[in-house]
Amino acid sequence: MLGLEEFIRPLSVSDLICKFWPEELYVSNSGPRRQALLDAVPELASAEQLLTGYRQQVRLSRKCGPYANTPTGADALPAYQAGFTCVLLGIEESFPGLKGLIADAARIFGLPTSSFKCEAFCSSGSSGLAMHSDFDLNFALLLQGQKRWRLAKNSSIENQTSTCFGRGSAQPDLNQERYAHSPFPDKFPEDSADVQVESGGFMFIPRGWWHETYSSGDCLQVNLTIKGPHWAGLFANALESLLLEDSEWRRYAYGIASTDSRRDVAIGELAALLDHLRHDHALTDMQALAANLLDRVDMENVTVGSWRKTSKSNRVMR
């Protein structure tokens, strides 16, 4: 069965965690991992086999960003041959050989399996994706082709919750600019790195790194991604579970959208509920409260509940 150790070899899991996890870039162009992945999922031997066996929607992209969708991988074949980058999400559902990798990674990092997905990116000829930074962490294995990366830390924002683009581009989620402590750059900083990845090459790309890519040849890349959860979402979901046990918190919030005295009444009602919360749950023992809240989290559905709701659009770019 394919595990994380086989997927990142010759880098060991212990070295990954001690030297790179979760904020340092790692790149390697040598190792047996390509064959290990193909042994587990033979359908990844070519983009054509991958697309033919993928039964879900495919996103089509070009350098300027997302372009269109097709219903299945087979429907995307003409676009792939025409030079579009094909983005395939959740490929473990079509190729179960990847589920062991997800289960092993979840065990190693102490995260729910719902936080992990496998994604694939394939293109023919010259292609690439424009400068952006992602909200997730990525283990990227290039199975075919060549890809040149330009990378730099996104120092404008810590722990972004959606894809970010450089200044002057439309942002999928305007909240990211609000969270940022300085404007996004319109070009790469002087200390950016240029990395050439060959077939069989592997990268660990931390959360929140600017990157753009230039692909050549028949290019096929598989990513293991980690998409949260973050503390704000976990807390919000667990707190809702706790509060809904009290009938007073289940009352409709009449007056909250009013512009007259009814809004003042609504504020008073919420203040009273907060005061009762403080007394009812003795908010002095934070350790006990934290344990209580985490016990309420549905770990199998934590990604949707505590990650995706934070932004209206999380565009996938690699």
Protein backbone atom coordinates (compact mmCIF):
# COMPACT_ATOMS: atom_id res chain seq x y z
CA MET A 1 0.00 0.00 0.00
CA LEU A 2 1.22 3.49 -0.86
CA GLY A 3 2.04 5.53 2.25
CA LEU A 4 3.46 8.99 2.82
CA GLU A 5 7.00 7.61 3.23
CA GLU A 6 6.87 6.09 -0.27
CA PHE A 7 5.34 9.25 -1.74
CA ILE A 8 8.13 11.56 -0.51
CA ARG A 9 11.15 9.20 -0.61
CA PRO A 10 14.15 9.64 -0.33
CA LEU A 11 13.04 12.31 2.15
CA SER A 12 11.96 10.54 5.33
CA VAL A 13 8.86 11.48 7.29
CA SER A 14 11.01 12.27 10.33
CA ASP A 15 13.25 14.64 8.31
CA LEU A 16 10.18 16.25 6.73
CA ILE A 17 8.72 17.01 10.14
CA CYS A 18 11.98 18.07 11.79
CA LYS A 19 13.45 20.16 8.95
CA PHE A 20 10.66 21.43 6.69
CA TRP A 21 7.21 21.02 8.25
CA PRO A 22 5.14 23.15 7.98
CA GLU A 23 6.81 26.33 6.63
CA GLU A 24 9.98 25.45 4.66
CA LEU A 25 10.11 24.63 0.95
CA TYR A 26 11.59 21.27 -0.12
CA VAL A 27 12.54 20.23 -3.67
CA SER A 28 14.06 16.96 -4.93
CA ASN A 29 14.53 15.65 -8.47
CA SER A 30 15.69 12.17 -7.52
CA GLY A 31 14.11 9.19 -5.84
CA PRO A 32 11.91 6.10 -6.41
CA ARG A 33 8.58 7.77 -5.52
CA ARG A 34 7.30 8.00 -9.12
CA GLN A 35 7.32 4.23 -9.54
CA ALA A 36 5.77 3.72 -6.11
CA LEU A 37 2.84 5.92 -7.11
CA LEU A 38 2.41 4.20 -10.48
CA ASP A 39 2.48 0.78 -8.80
CA ALA A 40 -0.38 1.90 -6.55
CA VAL A 41 -2.35 3.70 -9.28
CA PRO A 42 -1.45 2.42 -12.79
CA GLU A 43 -4.03 4.81 -14.32
CA LEU A 44 -1.59 7.66 -13.63
CA ALA A 45 0.79 6.39 -16.30
CA SER A 46 -0.48 9.06 -18.72
CA ALA A 47 -2.80 12.06 -18.80
CA GLU A 48 -5.04 10.26 -21.28
CA GLN A 49 -5.54 7.30 -18.93
CA LEU A 50 -6.11 9.63 -16.00
CA LEU A 51 -8.72 11.70 -17.82
CA THR A 52 -10.47 8.67 -19.28
CA GLY A 53 -10.88 7.10 -15.82
CA TYR A 54 -11.95 10.28 -14.00
CA ARG A 55 -15.75 10.55 -13.71
CA GLN A 56 -16.02 13.95 -12.06
CA GLN A 57 -15.97 17.54 -13.26
CA VAL A 58 -12.68 18.87 -14.69
CA ARG A 59 -11.65 22.51 -14.45
CA LEU A 60 -9.88 23.98 -17.46
CA SER A 61 -7.31 26.72 -16.92
CA ARG A 62 -4.86 28.88 -18.82
CA LYS A 63 -2.21 31.33 -17.70
CA CYS A 64 -4.82 33.99 -16.99
CA GLY A 65 -6.78 31.70 -14.66
CA PRO A 66 -9.85 29.40 -14.64
CA TYR A 67 -11.62 29.17 -17.99
CA ALA A 68 -14.38 26.53 -18.07
CA ASN A 69 -15.50 23.14 -16.76
CA THR A 70 -16.25 19.81 -18.40
CA PRO A 71 -18.56 17.14 -16.91
CA THR A 72 -15.94 14.35 -16.88
CA GLY A 73 -12.31 13.68 -17.67
CA ALA A 74 -13.18 12.10 -21.01
CA ASP A 75 -14.95 15.33 -22.02
CA ALA A 76 -11.79 17.28 -21.19
CA LEU A 77 -9.53 15.36 -23.59
CA PRO A 78 -9.98 17.77 -26.54
CA ALA A 79 -9.21 20.76 -24.28
CA TYR A 80 -6.13 18.98 -22.92
CA GLN A 81 -4.92 18.37 -26.48
CA ALA A 82 -5.60 22.05 -27.29
CA GLY A 83 -3.23 23.23 -24.57
CA PHE A 84 -5.49 23.83 -21.57
CA THR A 85 -4.36 22.80 -18.10
CA CYS A 86 -6.82 20.26 -16.70
CA VAL A 87 -7.44 20.38 -12.94
CA LEU A 88 -8.87 17.23 -11.35
CA LEU A 89 -9.97 17.39 -7.71
CA GLY A 90 -10.56 14.53 -5.30
CA ILE A 91 -9.05 11.94 -7.63
CA GLU A 92 -8.89 9.42 -4.77
CA GLU A 93 -12.63 8.86 -5.36
CA SER A 94 -11.92 7.62 -8.88
CA PHE A 95 -8.63 5.90 -8.03
CA PRO A 96 -8.93 4.20 -4.59
CA GLY A 97 -5.22 3.29 -4.59
CA LEU A 98 -4.65 6.82 -3.25
CA LYS A 99 -6.83 6.39 -0.17
CA GLY A 100 -4.08 4.58 1.70
CA LEU A 101 -1.81 7.60 1.18
CA ILE A 102 -4.47 9.89 2.65
CA ALA A 103 -5.08 7.61 5.64
CA ASP A 104 -1.35 7.38 6.36
CA ALA A 105 -0.82 11.15 6.08
CA ALA A 106 -3.81 11.79 8.37
CA ARG A 107 -2.29 9.46 10.99
CA ILE A 108 1.15 11.08 10.74
CA PHE A 109 -0.05 14.68 11.02
CA GLY A 110 -2.88 14.03 13.49
CA LEU A 111 -5.56 15.50 11.24
CA PRO A 112 -8.93 14.11 10.08
CA THR A 113 -8.87 12.35 6.73
CA SER A 114 -11.39 14.93 5.48
CA SER A 115 -8.55 17.50 5.53
CA PHE A 116 -6.67 15.63 2.78
CA LYS A 117 -7.35 15.44 -0.93
CA CYS A 118 -5.45 14.21 -3.96
CA GLU A 119 -5.47 16.47 -7.01
CA ALA A 120 -4.04 16.11 -10.50
CA PHE A 121 -2.90 18.68 -13.06
CA CYS A 122 -2.16 17.77 -16.65
CA SER A 123 -1.28 19.80 -19.75
CA SER A 124 0.18 19.31 -23.20
CA GLY A 125 2.75 21.59 -24.85
CA SER A 126 3.65 24.90 -23.22
CA SER A 127 1.41 25.98 -20.37
CA GLY A 128 1.50 27.43 -16.89
CA LEU A 129 -0.33 29.29 -14.17
CA ALA A 130 0.07 32.91 -13.11
CA MET A 131 1.45 34.22 -9.82
CA HIS A 132 -0.69 33.28 -6.81
CA SER A 133 -0.43 31.84 -3.31
CA ASP A 134 -2.55 29.00 -1.93
CA PHE A 135 -4.31 28.51 1.38
CA ASP A 136 -3.39 24.81 1.57
CA LEU A 137 -0.17 22.83 1.89
CA ASN A 138 0.93 20.70 -1.05
CA PHE A 139 3.07 17.64 -1.63
CA ALA A 140 3.53 17.74 -5.42
CA LEU A 141 4.92 14.83 -7.45
CA LEU A 142 5.59 15.43 -11.15
CA LEU A 143 4.99 12.18 -13.01
CA GLN A 144 5.67 13.45 -16.54
CA GLY A 145 7.10 16.49 -18.30
CA GLN A 146 9.09 19.44 -16.99
CA LYS A 147 7.92 22.30 -14.85
CA ARG A 148 9.70 25.47 -13.83
CA TRP A 149 8.54 27.17 -10.67
CA ARG A 150 9.12 30.63 -9.35
CA LEU A 151 8.48 30.84 -5.60
CA ALA A 152 8.63 33.26 -2.67
CA LYS A 153 6.96 33.52 0.72
CA ASN A 154 3.83 35.64 0.82
CA SER A 155 4.96 38.07 3.52
CA SER A 156 1.84 40.25 3.18
CA ILE A 157 -0.47 37.85 5.04
CA GLU A 158 -0.13 35.04 7.55
CA ASN A 159 -2.35 31.97 7.33
CA GLN A 160 -4.48 33.00 4.36
CA THR A 161 -7.84 31.25 3.98
CA SER A 162 -8.32 31.54 0.21
CA THR A 163 -6.20 31.80 -2.94
CA CYS A 164 -4.46 35.17 -3.26
CA PHE A 165 -3.31 36.88 -6.45
CA GLY A 166 -0.86 39.71 -6.96
CA ARG A 167 -1.93 43.35 -6.68
CA GLY A 168 -3.96 44.44 -9.69
CA SER A 169 -5.65 41.06 -10.17
CA ALA A 170 -9.18 40.25 -9.08
CA GLN A 171 -9.15 38.48 -5.70
CA PRO A 172 -11.42 35.45 -5.20
CA ASP A 173 -11.99 36.56 -1.60
CA LEU A 174 -11.61 40.23 -0.66
CA ASN A 175 -11.30 39.26 3.00
CA GLN A 176 -7.71 38.25 2.31
CA GLU A 177 -6.76 41.86 1.62
CA ARG A 178 -8.43 42.81 4.89
CA TYR A 179 -6.44 40.17 6.78
CA ALA A 180 -3.16 41.27 5.15
CA HIS A 181 -0.86 43.68 7.00
CA SER A 182 0.66 45.04 3.77
CA PRO A 183 -0.49 45.23 0.11
CA PHE A 184 0.06 42.20 -2.07
CA PRO A 185 2.99 42.69 -4.49
CA ASP A 186 2.38 43.04 -8.21
CA LYS A 187 5.49 40.99 -9.02
CA PHE A 188 7.84 38.53 -7.37
CA PRO A 189 10.29 39.88 -4.79
CA GLU A 190 14.00 40.01 -5.63
CA ASP A 191 14.80 37.04 -3.36
CA SER A 192 12.39 34.65 -5.12
CA ALA A 193 13.63 31.19 -6.07
CA ASP A 194 13.60 29.60 -9.53
CA VAL A 195 13.25 25.82 -9.43
CA GLN A 196 13.32 23.34 -12.31
CA VAL A 197 11.44 20.11 -11.64
CA GLU A 198 11.93 17.06 -13.89
CA SER A 199 9.81 13.95 -14.29
CA GLY A 200 9.82 12.18 -10.94
CA GLY A 201 10.60 15.40 -9.08
CA PHE A 202 8.91 16.19 -5.79
CA MET A 203 8.14 19.40 -3.90
CA PHE A 204 6.71 20.27 -0.51
CA ILE A 205 5.09 23.69 -0.92
CA PRO A 206 4.08 25.31 2.38
CA ARG A 207 0.90 27.27 2.84
CA GLY A 208 1.06 30.85 1.63
CA TRP A 209 3.93 30.84 -0.88
CA TRP A 210 3.71 32.89 -4.06
CA HIS A 211 4.37 30.75 -7.10
CA GLU A 212 3.90 30.67 -10.84
CA THR A 213 4.59 27.75 -13.14
CA TYR A 214 5.80 27.11 -16.67
CA SER A 215 5.18 23.60 -17.99
CA SER A 216 6.51 21.93 -21.12
CA GLY A 217 5.79 18.63 -22.80
CA ASP A 218 3.06 16.25 -21.75
CA CYS A 219 2.95 17.27 -18.11
CA LEU A 220 1.19 15.35 -15.33
CA GLN A 221 1.41 16.22 -11.64
CA VAL A 222 -0.30 14.67 -8.61
CA ASN A 223 -0.68 16.63 -5.38
CA LEU A 224 -1.50 15.49 -1.87
CA THR A 225 -3.07 18.58 -0.29
CA ILE A 226 -3.89 19.54 3.29
CA LYS A 227 -6.82 21.93 3.58
CA GLY A 228 -7.16 22.89 7.22
CA PRO A 229 -8.95 22.87 9.53
CA HIS A 230 -8.20 26.22 11.16
CA TRP A 231 -8.97 27.11 14.77
CA ALA A 232 -11.58 29.78 14.03
CA GLY A 233 -13.76 27.36 12.09
CA LEU A 234 -13.34 24.56 14.60
CA PHE A 235 -14.30 26.88 17.44
CA ALA A 236 -17.32 28.28 15.59
CA ASN A 237 -18.69 24.83 14.72
CA ALA A 238 -18.10 23.34 18.15
CA LEU A 239 -19.48 26.40 19.94
CA GLU A 240 -22.66 26.22 17.86
CA SER A 241 -23.08 22.59 18.91
CA LEU A 242 -22.70 23.61 22.54
CA LEU A 243 -25.04 26.59 22.37
CA LEU A 244 -27.84 24.80 20.55
CA GLU A 245 -28.36 22.59 23.60
CA ASP A 246 -29.83 25.68 25.30
CA SER A 247 -33.29 26.63 23.99
CA GLU A 248 -32.59 30.35 24.50
CA TRP A 249 -29.80 30.23 21.92
CA ARG A 250 -32.21 28.54 19.49
CA ARG A 251 -34.52 31.57 19.45
CA TYR A 252 -34.72 33.60 16.23
CA ALA A 253 -32.65 36.77 16.31
CA TYR A 254 -35.46 39.25 15.71
CA GLY A 255 -34.43 42.84 15.16
CA ILE A 256 -30.80 42.33 14.14
CA ALA A 257 -31.35 43.94 10.72
CA SER A 258 -33.43 46.84 12.03
CA THR A 259 -32.28 50.46 11.92
CA ASP A 260 -34.46 51.61 14.83
CA SER A 261 -34.71 50.74 18.53
CA ARG A 262 -35.37 47.07 17.74
CA ARG A 263 -31.67 46.65 16.98
CA ASP A 264 -30.82 47.96 20.47
CA VAL A 265 -33.19 45.36 21.91
CA ALA A 266 -31.49 42.63 19.86
CA ILE A 267 -28.07 43.75 21.10
CA GLY A 268 -29.37 43.59 24.66
CA GLU A 269 -30.68 40.05 24.13
CA LEU A 270 -27.34 38.86 22.75
CA ALA A 271 -25.47 40.55 25.61
CA ALA A 272 -27.67 38.72 28.10
CA LEU A 273 -27.03 35.40 26.37
CA LEU A 274 -23.28 36.03 26.46
CA ASP A 275 -23.47 36.85 30.15
CA HIS A 276 -25.34 33.59 30.83
CA LEU A 277 -22.75 31.71 28.74
CA ARG A 278 -19.94 33.09 30.88
CA HIS A 279 -21.64 31.95 34.08
CA ASP A 280 -23.13 28.67 32.87
CA HIS A 281 -19.86 27.30 31.48
CA ALA A 282 -17.46 28.80 34.04
CA LEU A 283 -15.13 30.23 31.42
CA THR A 284 -12.17 30.19 33.75
CA ASP A 285 -11.07 26.61 33.00
CA MET A 286 -9.96 27.04 29.41
CA GLN A 287 -8.42 23.55 29.23
CA ALA A 288 -11.71 21.88 30.11
CA LEU A 289 -13.65 24.10 27.72
CA ALA A 290 -11.21 23.36 24.89
CA ALA A 291 -11.55 19.61 25.47
CA ASN A 292 -15.35 19.91 25.57
CA LEU A 293 -15.43 21.83 22.28
CA LEU A 294 -13.06 19.47 20.45
CA ASP A 295 -15.13 16.49 21.59
CA ARG A 296 -18.05 18.04 19.69
CA VAL A 297 -16.24 18.26 16.33
CA ASP A 298 -17.35 15.83 13.63
CA MET A 299 -13.88 14.93 12.35
CA GLU A 300 -15.19 13.29 9.19
CA ASN A 301 -16.81 16.54 8.04
CA VAL A 302 -14.50 19.08 9.61
CA THR A 303 -13.08 20.41 6.33
CA VAL A 304 -16.40 21.62 4.95
CA GLY A 305 -17.56 23.02 8.25
CA SER A 306 -14.43 24.83 9.36
CA TRP A 307 -12.50 25.66 6.20
CA ARG A 308 -14.66 26.26 3.17
CA LYS A 309 -17.16 28.55 4.91
CA THR A 310 -14.46 31.17 5.52
CA SER A 311 -14.45 32.39 1.93
CA LYS A 312 -16.97 32.54 -0.86
CA SER A 313 -14.50 31.21 -3.39
CA ASN A 314 -11.35 29.12 -2.99
CA ARG A 315 -10.04 28.88 -6.53
CA VAL A 316 -7.66 26.01 -7.13
CA MET A 317 -4.36 27.05 -8.69
CA ARG A 318 -1.07 25.13 -8.66
